[in-house]
């Protein structure tokens, strides 16, 4: 089975202990678990320096060909080099509205969706920056751009609401990473929105890849639904961005 992890990171983060922030450890764990590839953003890019972090992420991906995809971070307050989107390792664009203090619906993010590549954005129930209701609005505005809601809204109290808000917006997908997610909630999200709209993510190396994968592997799902969540859906979203030749 092809297992694609939609949501990973490399590098340290100033206010969160990451015991093993390097790509070597991340890929070694993926090898142990049978994870085919992980889409990562460099935390330097998410935080203080998107241009430098994006360059570092691409260099790291080149050292692990076909094991790491890259989500280039677009920070609305910093320059973004659209030419990097042609790099073979790039899966799409990563947004973190809460770190950037820029709402997902803000016009400063509009240029991102004009590129037409998949977008993974942090989603957090109850914030003015990335509440699921904003994903529904952006998804309707850009119906041809796949938009992954990172963490499916983050908080268990908001998972059901997140699914309800985007149920009729087929370009928006719910991604499963986060410490509040459980296998039973993965199955509920599949029931609520359909197995073709839920995507596996782990948030490694912030969170443990074993836990993120295990909750989907052990979730009460039909085998075909589990295969779709673990890799089939993201493979379809990425299209020829997955497995492009060197």
C-alpha atoms as a PDB file:
ATOM      1  CA  UNK A   1       0.000   0.000   0.000  1.00  0.00           C
ATOM      2  CA  UNK A   2       1.230   3.486  -0.815  1.00  0.00           C
ATOM      3  CA  UNK A   3       1.129   5.551   2.389  1.00  0.00           C
ATOM      4  CA  UNK A   4       1.514   9.298   1.933  1.00  0.00           C
ATOM      5  CA  UNK A   5       1.732  11.537   4.984  1.00  0.00           C
ATOM      6  CA  UNK A   6       0.325  14.919   4.044  1.00  0.00           C
ATOM      7  CA  UNK A   7       1.600  16.913   7.009  1.00  0.00           C
ATOM      8  CA  UNK A   8       5.146  16.794   8.303  1.00  0.00           C
ATOM      9  CA  UNK A   9       7.884  19.184   9.397  1.00  0.00           C
ATOM     10  CA  UNK A  10      11.637  19.381   9.700  1.00  0.00           C
ATOM     11  CA  UNK A  11      13.743  21.616  11.908  1.00  0.00           C
ATOM     12  CA  UNK A  12      13.439  23.035  15.437  1.00  0.00           C
ATOM     13  CA  UNK A  13      10.719  25.296  16.820  1.00  0.00           C
ATOM     14  CA  UNK A  14      11.444  27.950  19.432  1.00  0.00           C
ATOM     15  CA  UNK A  15       8.704  27.191  21.975  1.00  0.00           C
ATOM     16  CA  UNK A  16       8.073  23.475  21.444  1.00  0.00           C
ATOM     17  CA  UNK A  17      10.518  20.682  22.281  1.00  0.00           C
ATOM     18  CA  UNK A  18      11.207  18.467  19.272  1.00  0.00           C
ATOM     19  CA  UNK A  19      13.590  15.692  20.338  1.00  0.00           C
ATOM     20  CA  UNK A  20      14.521  14.622  16.782  1.00  0.00           C
ATOM     21  CA  UNK A  21      13.969  17.512  14.346  1.00  0.00           C
ATOM     22  CA  UNK A  22      16.162  16.213  11.513  1.00  0.00           C
ATOM     23  CA  UNK A  23      15.059  14.604   8.264  1.00  0.00           C
ATOM     24  CA  UNK A  24      17.270  11.580   8.890  1.00  0.00           C
ATOM     25  CA  UNK A  25      15.245  10.533  11.931  1.00  0.00           C
ATOM     26  CA  UNK A  26      11.962  11.269  10.196  1.00  0.00           C
ATOM     27  CA  UNK A  27      12.824   9.124   7.175  1.00  0.00           C
ATOM     28  CA  UNK A  28      14.193   6.356   9.398  1.00  0.00           C
ATOM     29  CA  UNK A  29      10.880   6.212  11.252  1.00  0.00           C
ATOM     30  CA  UNK A  30       8.986   6.240   7.961  1.00  0.00           C
ATOM     31  CA  UNK A  31      11.088   3.259   6.876  1.00  0.00           C
ATOM     32  CA  UNK A  32      10.183   1.368  10.046  1.00  0.00           C
ATOM     33  CA  UNK A  33       6.483   2.007   9.505  1.00  0.00           C
ATOM     34  CA  UNK A  34       6.249   1.559   5.758  1.00  0.00           C
ATOM     35  CA  UNK A  35       5.368   5.186   5.030  1.00  0.00           C
ATOM     36  CA  UNK A  36       6.172   5.857   1.388  1.00  0.00           C
ATOM     37  CA  UNK A  37       6.670   9.623   1.543  1.00  0.00           C
ATOM     38  CA  UNK A  38       6.018  12.603   3.794  1.00  0.00           C
ATOM     39  CA  UNK A  39       5.180  16.143   2.729  1.00  0.00           C
ATOM     40  CA  UNK A  40       7.189  18.536   4.895  1.00  0.00           C
ATOM     41  CA  UNK A  41       7.610  22.229   5.488  1.00  0.00           C
ATOM     42  CA  UNK A  42      10.706  23.563   7.216  1.00  0.00           C
ATOM     43  CA  UNK A  43       9.808  25.207  10.513  1.00  0.00           C
ATOM     44  CA  UNK A  44      12.224  28.027   9.759  1.00  0.00           C
ATOM     45  CA  UNK A  45       9.935  28.830   6.833  1.00  0.00           C
ATOM     46  CA  UNK A  46       6.774  28.550   8.912  1.00  0.00           C
ATOM     47  CA  UNK A  47       8.303  30.904  11.457  1.00  0.00           C
ATOM     48  CA  UNK A  48      10.729  33.731  10.862  1.00  0.00           C
ATOM     49  CA  UNK A  49      12.206  33.234   7.387  1.00  0.00           C
ATOM     50  CA  UNK A  50      10.091  31.648   4.664  1.00  0.00           C
ATOM     51  CA  UNK A  51      12.559  32.189   1.780  1.00  0.00           C
ATOM     52  CA  UNK A  52      15.506  30.612   3.640  1.00  0.00           C
ATOM     53  CA  UNK A  53      13.387  27.836   5.101  1.00  0.00           C
ATOM     54  CA  UNK A  54      11.950  26.936   1.702  1.00  0.00           C
ATOM     55  CA  UNK A  55      15.403  26.696   0.191  1.00  0.00           C
ATOM     56  CA  UNK A  56      16.528  24.505   3.074  1.00  0.00           C
ATOM     57  CA  UNK A  57      13.482  22.240   2.668  1.00  0.00           C
ATOM     58  CA  UNK A  58      14.213  21.721  -1.011  1.00  0.00           C
ATOM     59  CA  UNK A  59      17.848  20.907  -0.297  1.00  0.00           C
ATOM     60  CA  UNK A  60      16.744  18.391   2.317  1.00  0.00           C
ATOM     61  CA  UNK A  61      14.264  16.773  -0.049  1.00  0.00           C
ATOM     62  CA  UNK A  62      16.996  16.402  -2.656  1.00  0.00           C
ATOM     63  CA  UNK A  63      18.995  14.399  -0.109  1.00  0.00           C
ATOM     64  CA  UNK A  64      16.031  12.010   0.301  1.00  0.00           C
ATOM     65  CA  UNK A  65      14.601  11.684  -3.216  1.00  0.00           C
ATOM     66  CA  UNK A  66      11.037  10.352  -3.410  1.00  0.00           C
ATOM     67  CA  UNK A  67      10.782  10.169   0.397  1.00  0.00           C
ATOM     68  CA  UNK A  68      10.140  13.822   1.203  1.00  0.00           C
ATOM     69  CA  UNK A  69       7.815  16.150  -0.642  1.00  0.00           C
ATOM     70  CA  UNK A  70       7.910  19.871   0.122  1.00  0.00           C
ATOM     71  CA  UNK A  71       5.137  22.269   1.002  1.00  0.00           C
ATOM     72  CA  UNK A  72       6.619  25.687   0.232  1.00  0.00           C
ATOM     73  CA  UNK A  73       5.563  28.154   2.909  1.00  0.00           C
ATOM     74  CA  UNK A  74       3.913  31.321   1.669  1.00  0.00           C
ATOM     75  CA  UNK A  75       4.125  34.030   4.326  1.00  0.00           C
ATOM     76  CA  UNK A  76       2.074  37.056   3.238  1.00  0.00           C
ATOM     77  CA  UNK A  77       4.586  39.394   4.905  1.00  0.00           C
ATOM     78  CA  UNK A  78       7.629  38.019   3.048  1.00  0.00           C
ATOM     79  CA  UNK A  79       8.664  37.433  -0.575  1.00  0.00           C
ATOM     80  CA  UNK A  80       7.600  34.190  -2.245  1.00  0.00           C
ATOM     81  CA  UNK A  81       9.587  32.726  -5.134  1.00  0.00           C
ATOM     82  CA  UNK A  82       6.965  31.171  -7.414  1.00  0.00           C
ATOM     83  CA  UNK A  83       9.723  29.698  -9.568  1.00  0.00           C
ATOM     84  CA  UNK A  84      10.374  27.127  -6.839  1.00  0.00           C
ATOM     85  CA  UNK A  85       6.993  25.546  -7.576  1.00  0.00           C
ATOM     86  CA  UNK A  86       8.594  23.826 -10.572  1.00  0.00           C
ATOM     87  CA  UNK A  87      11.016  21.871  -8.372  1.00  0.00           C
ATOM     88  CA  UNK A  88      10.296  18.150  -8.650  1.00  0.00           C
ATOM     89  CA  UNK A  89      10.001  17.740  -4.878  1.00  0.00           C
ATOM     90  CA  UNK A  90       7.289  20.389  -4.407  1.00  0.00           C
ATOM     91  CA  UNK A  91       3.830  19.109  -3.506  1.00  0.00           C
ATOM     92  CA  UNK A  92       2.234  22.513  -3.073  1.00  0.00           C
ATOM     93  CA  UNK A  93       2.016  25.484  -0.727  1.00  0.00           C
ATOM     94  CA  UNK A  94       1.751  25.612   3.057  1.00  0.00           C
ATOM     95  CA  UNK A  95      -0.071  28.401   4.898  1.00  0.00           C
ATOM     96  CA  UNK A  96      -0.146  29.014   8.635  1.00  0.00           C
ATOM     97  CA  UNK A  97      -2.642  31.835   9.155  1.00  0.00           C
ATOM     98  CA  UNK A  98      -2.314  31.765  12.955  1.00  0.00           C
ATOM     99  CA  UNK A  99       1.472  32.172  12.924  1.00  0.00           C
ATOM    100  CA  UNK A 100       1.269  34.726  10.120  1.00  0.00           C
ATOM    101  CA  UNK A 101      -1.622  36.562  11.829  1.00  0.00           C
ATOM    102  CA  UNK A 102      -3.381  36.741   8.490  1.00  0.00           C
ATOM    103  CA  UNK A 103      -6.849  35.254   7.994  1.00  0.00           C
ATOM    104  CA  UNK A 104      -7.143  32.548   5.356  1.00  0.00           C
ATOM    105  CA  UNK A 105      -9.664  34.745   3.531  1.00  0.00           C
ATOM    106  CA  UNK A 106      -7.342  37.776   3.505  1.00  0.00           C
ATOM    107  CA  UNK A 107      -6.583  39.186   0.018  1.00  0.00           C
ATOM    108  CA  UNK A 108      -2.862  38.804   0.769  1.00  0.00           C
ATOM    109  CA  UNK A 109      -3.294  35.038   0.400  1.00  0.00           C
ATOM    110  CA  UNK A 110      -5.156  35.290  -2.908  1.00  0.00           C
ATOM    111  CA  UNK A 111      -1.985  34.988  -4.987  1.00  0.00           C
ATOM    112  CA  UNK A 112      -1.368  31.557  -3.476  1.00  0.00           C
ATOM    113  CA  UNK A 113      -4.566  30.121  -4.914  1.00  0.00           C
ATOM    114  CA  UNK A 114      -3.898  31.653  -8.304  1.00  0.00           C
ATOM    115  CA  UNK A 115      -0.955  29.256  -8.752  1.00  0.00           C
ATOM    116  CA  UNK A 116      -3.435  26.380  -8.927  1.00  0.00           C
ATOM    117  CA  UNK A 117      -1.348  23.968  -6.829  1.00  0.00           C
ATOM    118  CA  UNK A 118      -2.568  22.052  -3.762  1.00  0.00           C
ATOM    119  CA  UNK A 119      -2.618  24.090  -0.555  1.00  0.00           C
ATOM    120  CA  UNK A 120      -2.197  22.765   2.993  1.00  0.00           C
ATOM    121  CA  UNK A 121      -3.277  25.282   5.632  1.00  0.00           C
ATOM    122  CA  UNK A 122      -3.341  25.151   9.398  1.00  0.00           C
ATOM    123  CA  UNK A 123      -6.956  24.923  10.550  1.00  0.00           C
ATOM    124  CA  UNK A 124      -7.950  25.811  14.091  1.00  0.00           C
ATOM    125  CA  UNK A 125     -11.491  25.980  15.385  1.00  0.00           C
ATOM    126  CA  UNK A 126     -12.349  29.245  17.111  1.00  0.00           C
ATOM    127  CA  UNK A 127      -9.619  31.538  15.808  1.00  0.00           C
ATOM    128  CA  UNK A 128     -10.145  34.539  13.559  1.00  0.00           C
ATOM    129  CA  UNK A 129      -7.307  33.346  11.339  1.00  0.00           C
ATOM    130  CA  UNK A 130      -8.095  29.744  10.389  1.00  0.00           C
ATOM    131  CA  UNK A 131     -11.509  28.674  11.655  1.00  0.00           C
ATOM    132  CA  UNK A 132     -13.105  26.017   9.395  1.00  0.00           C
ATOM    133  CA  UNK A 133     -15.737  28.491   8.224  1.00  0.00           C
ATOM    134  CA  UNK A 134     -12.925  30.346   6.419  1.00  0.00           C
ATOM    135  CA  UNK A 135     -11.951  27.149   4.580  1.00  0.00           C
ATOM    136  CA  UNK A 136     -15.504  26.823   3.301  1.00  0.00           C
ATOM    137  CA  UNK A 137     -15.412  30.400   2.019  1.00  0.00           C
ATOM    138  CA  UNK A 138     -12.036  30.018   0.315  1.00  0.00           C
ATOM    139  CA  UNK A 139     -13.001  26.631  -1.131  1.00  0.00           C
ATOM    140  CA  UNK A 140     -16.069  28.145  -2.760  1.00  0.00           C
ATOM    141  CA  UNK A 141     -13.973  31.013  -4.061  1.00  0.00           C
ATOM    142  CA  UNK A 142     -11.388  28.653  -5.591  1.00  0.00           C
ATOM    143  CA  UNK A 143     -13.252  25.422  -6.446  1.00  0.00           C
ATOM    144  CA  UNK A 144     -10.477  23.962  -8.618  1.00  0.00           C
ATOM    145  CA  UNK A 145      -7.689  24.277  -6.017  1.00  0.00           C
ATOM    146  CA  UNK A 146      -7.364  21.365  -3.556  1.00  0.00           C
ATOM    147  CA  UNK A 147      -7.322  22.824  -0.034  1.00  0.00           C
ATOM    148  CA  UNK A 148      -6.336  20.597   2.885  1.00  0.00           C
ATOM    149  CA  UNK A 149      -7.592  21.709   6.289  1.00  0.00           C
ATOM    150  CA  UNK A 150      -4.697  20.838   8.579  1.00  0.00           C
ATOM    151  CA  UNK A 151      -5.815  19.150  11.817  1.00  0.00           C
ATOM    152  CA  UNK A 152      -9.455  19.055  10.621  1.00  0.00           C
ATOM    153  CA  UNK A 153     -10.020  22.064  12.879  1.00  0.00           C
ATOM    154  CA  UNK A 154      -7.608  20.882  15.622  1.00  0.00           C
ATOM    155  CA  UNK A 155     -10.029  20.501  18.539  1.00  0.00           C
ATOM    156  CA  UNK A 156     -12.336  17.528  19.065  1.00  0.00           C
ATOM    157  CA  UNK A 157     -15.204  19.898  19.835  1.00  0.00           C
ATOM    158  CA  UNK A 158     -14.830  21.292  16.327  1.00  0.00           C
ATOM    159  CA  UNK A 159     -14.289  18.169  14.189  1.00  0.00           C
ATOM    160  CA  UNK A 160     -17.984  17.592  13.488  1.00  0.00           C
ATOM    161  CA  UNK A 161     -18.504  21.282  12.732  1.00  0.00           C
ATOM    162  CA  UNK A 162     -15.526  21.325  10.375  1.00  0.00           C
ATOM    163  CA  UNK A 163     -16.959  18.413   8.405  1.00  0.00           C
ATOM    164  CA  UNK A 164     -20.397  20.009   8.283  1.00  0.00           C
ATOM    165  CA  UNK A 165     -19.082  23.373   7.095  1.00  0.00           C
ATOM    166  CA  UNK A 166     -17.155  21.963   4.125  1.00  0.00           C
ATOM    167  CA  UNK A 167     -19.396  19.009   3.276  1.00  0.00           C
ATOM    168  CA  UNK A 168     -20.686  20.755   0.144  1.00  0.00           C
ATOM    169  CA  UNK A 169     -17.279  22.224  -0.829  1.00  0.00           C
ATOM    170  CA  UNK A 170     -15.611  19.305  -2.633  1.00  0.00           C
ATOM    171  CA  UNK A 171     -12.252  21.046  -3.052  1.00  0.00           C
ATOM    172  CA  UNK A 172     -11.697  21.068   0.734  1.00  0.00           C
ATOM    173  CA  UNK A 173     -10.244  17.988   2.443  1.00  0.00           C
ATOM    174  CA  UNK A 174      -9.901  17.193   6.142  1.00  0.00           C
ATOM    175  CA  UNK A 175      -6.387  16.211   7.240  1.00  0.00           C
ATOM    176  CA  UNK A 176      -6.071  14.078  10.348  1.00  0.00           C
ATOM    177  CA  UNK A 177      -3.019  15.187  12.336  1.00  0.00           C
ATOM    178  CA  UNK A 178      -3.187  16.539  15.860  1.00  0.00           C
ATOM    179  CA  UNK A 179      -2.978  15.322  19.425  1.00  0.00           C
ATOM    180  CA  UNK A 180      -6.783  15.439  19.848  1.00  0.00           C
ATOM    181  CA  UNK A 181      -7.518  13.187  16.868  1.00  0.00           C
ATOM    182  CA  UNK A 182      -8.423   9.526  17.491  1.00  0.00           C
ATOM    183  CA  UNK A 183      -9.098   6.514  15.318  1.00  0.00           C
ATOM    184  CA  UNK A 184     -12.791   6.741  16.131  1.00  0.00           C
ATOM    185  CA  UNK A 185     -12.828  10.363  15.049  1.00  0.00           C
ATOM    186  CA  UNK A 186     -11.117   9.448  11.775  1.00  0.00           C
ATOM    187  CA  UNK A 187     -13.941   6.989  11.143  1.00  0.00           C
ATOM    188  CA  UNK A 188     -16.565   9.573  12.080  1.00  0.00           C
ATOM    189  CA  UNK A 189     -15.072  12.091   9.674  1.00  0.00           C
ATOM    190  CA  UNK A 190     -15.208   9.479   6.918  1.00  0.00           C
ATOM    191  CA  UNK A 191     -18.874   8.879   7.754  1.00  0.00           C
ATOM    192  CA  UNK A 192     -19.626  12.602   7.815  1.00  0.00           C
ATOM    193  CA  UNK A 193     -17.843  13.775   4.678  1.00  0.00           C
ATOM    194  CA  UNK A 194     -16.884  10.646   2.728  1.00  0.00           C
ATOM    195  CA  UNK A 195     -13.763   8.508   2.530  1.00  0.00           C
ATOM    196  CA  UNK A 196     -12.568  10.465  -0.511  1.00  0.00           C
ATOM    197  CA  UNK A 197     -12.317  13.710   1.487  1.00  0.00           C
ATOM    198  CA  UNK A 198     -10.160  12.618   4.464  1.00  0.00           C
ATOM    199  CA  UNK A 199      -6.359  12.636   4.214  1.00  0.00           C
ATOM    200  CA  UNK A 200      -3.776  11.127   6.564  1.00  0.00           C
ATOM    201  CA  UNK A 201      -1.278  13.467   8.195  1.00  0.00           C
ATOM    202  CA  UNK A 202       0.913  13.004  11.253  1.00  0.00           C
ATOM    203  CA  UNK A 203       2.473  16.407  12.118  1.00  0.00           C
ATOM    204  CA  UNK A 204       5.807  14.606  12.581  1.00  0.00           C
ATOM    205  CA  UNK A 205       8.338  15.657  13.770  1.00  0.00           C
ATOM    206  CA  UNK A 206       6.176  17.840  16.044  1.00  0.00           C
ATOM    207  CA  UNK A 207       4.165  14.736  16.924  1.00  0.00           C
ATOM    208  CA  UNK A 208       5.046  11.039  16.813  1.00  0.00           C
ATOM    209  CA  UNK A 209       4.603   9.484  13.371  1.00  0.00           C
ATOM    210  CA  UNK A 210       3.788   6.138  15.016  1.00  0.00           C
ATOM    211  CA  UNK A 211       0.772   7.623  16.786  1.00  0.00           C
ATOM    212  CA  UNK A 212      -0.486   9.516  13.751  1.00  0.00           C
ATOM    213  CA  UNK A 213      -0.277   6.468  11.510  1.00  0.00           C
ATOM    214  CA  UNK A 214      -1.561   4.074  14.136  1.00  0.00           C
ATOM    215  CA  UNK A 215      -4.813   5.928  14.649  1.00  0.00           C
ATOM    216  CA  UNK A 216      -5.672   5.475  10.958  1.00  0.00           C
ATOM    217  CA  UNK A 217      -4.383   1.907  10.677  1.00  0.00           C
ATOM    218  CA  UNK A 218      -6.453   0.885  13.719  1.00  0.00           C
ATOM    219  CA  UNK A 219      -9.518   3.041  12.980  1.00  0.00           C
ATOM    220  CA  UNK A 220     -12.786   1.147  12.419  1.00  0.00           C
ATOM    221  CA  UNK A 221     -12.752   1.628   8.647  1.00  0.00           C
ATOM    222  CA  UNK A 222     -13.419  -0.564   5.643  1.00  0.00           C
ATOM    223  CA  UNK A 223     -10.181  -1.584   3.959  1.00  0.00           C
ATOM    224  CA  UNK A 224     -10.852   0.464   0.822  1.00  0.00           C
ATOM    225  CA  UNK A 225     -11.659   3.527   2.906  1.00  0.00           C
ATOM    226  CA  UNK A 226      -8.480   3.076   4.948  1.00  0.00           C
ATOM    227  CA  UNK A 227      -6.407   2.820   1.759  1.00  0.00           C
ATOM    228  CA  UNK A 228      -7.994   6.019   0.444  1.00  0.00           C
ATOM    229  CA  UNK A 229      -7.246   7.935   3.638  1.00  0.00           C
ATOM    230  CA  UNK A 230      -3.699   6.608   3.975  1.00  0.00           C
ATOM    231  CA  UNK A 231      -2.565   7.487   0.488  1.00  0.00           C
ATOM    232  CA  UNK A 232      -5.074   7.186  -2.302  1.00  0.00           C
ATOM    233  CA  UNK A 233      -6.705  10.556  -1.752  1.00  0.00           C
ATOM    234  CA  UNK A 234      -3.465  12.497  -1.500  1.00  0.00           C
ATOM    235  CA  UNK A 235      -2.090  10.689  -4.555  1.00  0.00           C
ATOM    236  CA  UNK A 236      -5.157  11.876  -6.482  1.00  0.00           C
ATOM    237  CA  UNK A 237      -4.789  15.436  -5.131  1.00  0.00           C
ATOM    238  CA  UNK A 238      -1.115  15.639  -6.035  1.00  0.00           C
ATOM    239  CA  UNK A 239      -1.549  14.130  -9.487  1.00  0.00           C
ATOM    240  CA  UNK A 240       1.719  14.305 -11.397  1.00  0.00           C
ATOM    241  CA  UNK A 241       3.360  16.160  -8.501  1.00  0.00           C
ATOM    242  CA  UNK A 242       3.786  12.738  -6.907  1.00  0.00           C
ATOM    243  CA  UNK A 243       6.550  10.623  -8.364  1.00  0.00           C
ATOM    244  CA  UNK A 244       7.775  13.050 -11.024  1.00  0.00           C
ATOM    245  CA  UNK A 245      10.991  11.938 -12.718  1.00  0.00           C
ATOM    246  CA  UNK A 246      14.283  13.650 -11.901  1.00  0.00           C
END
